C-alpha cells in the first residue's frame, strides 16, 4: 500500500486505489476512506464517492483530526451526508 500525504490519499480514494499516511491514521482500501478506523467515506455501487459529515460544524464531531480528514475528502466527494443517513445508501 502506498504511503502518502493526507491530500494525496483522497486522490487515491477517488481513483479506487489503496493508500495510507505514515501514521496509519488516514487510509483507504480504494472503496472506503477511514480516519482512525472510522469510516468517513464510501464508494457506492455506481462508483460515487460519499463522505460523512464528522466535522466541527456537525453534531457528529469526533475530533479535530477526523474533522480535517473529512475536509480533505470533501474535495473528491460526489455527495456529503450526515452519518445517520447511511441506511439510505
Protein backbone atom coordinates (compact mmCIF):
# COMPACT_ATOMS: atom_id res chain seq x y z
CA UNK A 1 0.00 0.00 0.00
CA UNK A 2 1.33 3.45 -0.91
CA UNK A 3 2.32 5.77 1.93
CA UNK A 4 1.28 9.32 1.00
CA UNK A 5 0.28 12.71 2.38
CA UNK A 6 -3.31 13.14 3.55
CA UNK A 7 -4.26 15.18 0.50
CA UNK A 8 -2.94 12.51 -1.86
CA UNK A 9 -4.75 9.72 0.00
CA UNK A 10 -8.04 11.34 -1.02
CA UNK A 11 -6.93 11.37 -4.67
CA UNK A 12 -6.10 7.67 -4.45
CA UNK A 13 -9.54 7.00 -2.92
CA UNK A 14 -11.16 8.89 -5.80
CA UNK A 15 -9.31 6.56 -8.19
CA UNK A 16 -10.20 3.41 -6.20
CA UNK A 17 -6.60 2.69 -5.16
CA UNK A 18 -5.40 1.83 -1.63
CA UNK A 19 -3.15 4.26 0.25
CA UNK A 20 -2.33 5.34 3.81
CA UNK A 21 -0.46 8.06 5.65
CA UNK A 22 2.75 7.31 7.50
CA UNK A 23 0.97 7.05 10.88
CA UNK A 24 -1.78 4.77 9.54
CA UNK A 25 -4.40 7.22 10.89
CA UNK A 26 -5.88 8.13 7.49
CA UNK A 27 -6.23 5.45 4.86
CA UNK A 28 -8.27 3.93 2.06
CA UNK A 29 -8.65 0.44 0.72
CA UNK A 30 -9.84 2.04 -2.52
CA UNK A 31 -13.53 1.80 -1.63
CA UNK A 32 -13.77 3.00 1.98
CA UNK A 33 -11.99 6.03 3.44
CA UNK A 34 -11.05 5.88 7.12
CA UNK A 35 -9.95 8.25 9.86
CA UNK A 36 -8.64 6.29 12.84
CA UNK A 37 -10.63 3.23 11.65
CA UNK A 38 -13.85 5.27 11.48
CA UNK A 39 -15.46 5.03 8.05
CA UNK A 40 -15.73 8.64 6.84
CA UNK A 41 -16.23 7.91 3.15
CA UNK A 42 -17.50 5.14 0.97
CA UNK A 43 -17.97 4.24 -2.68
CA UNK A 44 -21.42 3.41 -4.00
CA UNK A 45 -22.11 0.52 -6.37
CA UNK A 46 -22.21 3.11 -9.18
CA UNK A 47 -18.78 4.47 -8.12
CA UNK A 48 -19.98 7.69 -6.46
CA UNK A 49 -17.79 8.87 -3.59
CA UNK A 50 -19.79 9.67 -0.45
CA UNK A 51 -18.35 11.48 2.58
CA UNK A 52 -19.96 11.50 6.01
CA UNK A 53 -20.04 14.74 7.99
CA UNK A 54 -17.90 14.33 11.09
CA UNK A 55 -16.78 17.98 11.11
CA UNK A 56 -16.82 20.53 13.90
CA UNK A 57 -19.93 22.10 12.42
CA UNK A 58 -21.96 18.90 12.79
CA UNK A 59 -23.48 17.23 15.82
CA UNK A 60 -21.32 14.17 14.99
CA UNK A 61 -17.95 15.77 15.75
CA UNK A 62 -15.33 13.15 16.69
CA UNK A 63 -12.01 15.01 16.80
CA UNK A 64 -10.14 17.88 15.15
CA UNK A 65 -8.06 15.41 13.15
CA UNK A 66 -11.08 13.49 11.87
CA UNK A 67 -12.72 16.79 11.01
CA UNK A 68 -9.62 17.69 8.97
CA UNK A 69 -9.67 14.30 7.21
CA UNK A 70 -13.33 14.88 6.28
CA UNK A 71 -12.42 18.33 4.97
CA UNK A 72 -9.76 16.79 2.69
CA UNK A 73 -12.24 14.16 1.49
CA UNK A 74 -14.88 16.74 0.55
CA UNK A 75 -12.72 17.80 -2.40
CA UNK A 76 -13.21 14.40 -4.04
CA UNK A 77 -16.73 13.63 -2.89
CA UNK A 78 -19.78 13.43 -5.11
CA UNK A 79 -22.08 13.54 -2.08
CA UNK A 80 -21.75 14.77 1.51
CA UNK A 81 -24.14 13.15 4.01
CA UNK A 82 -24.97 13.10 7.69
CA UNK A 83 -23.63 9.77 9.10
CA UNK A 84 -27.12 8.71 10.18
CA UNK A 85 -28.20 8.77 6.52
CA UNK A 86 -26.01 5.73 5.82
CA UNK A 87 -29.07 3.49 5.88
CA UNK A 88 -30.46 5.12 2.70
CA UNK A 89 -27.47 4.20 0.54
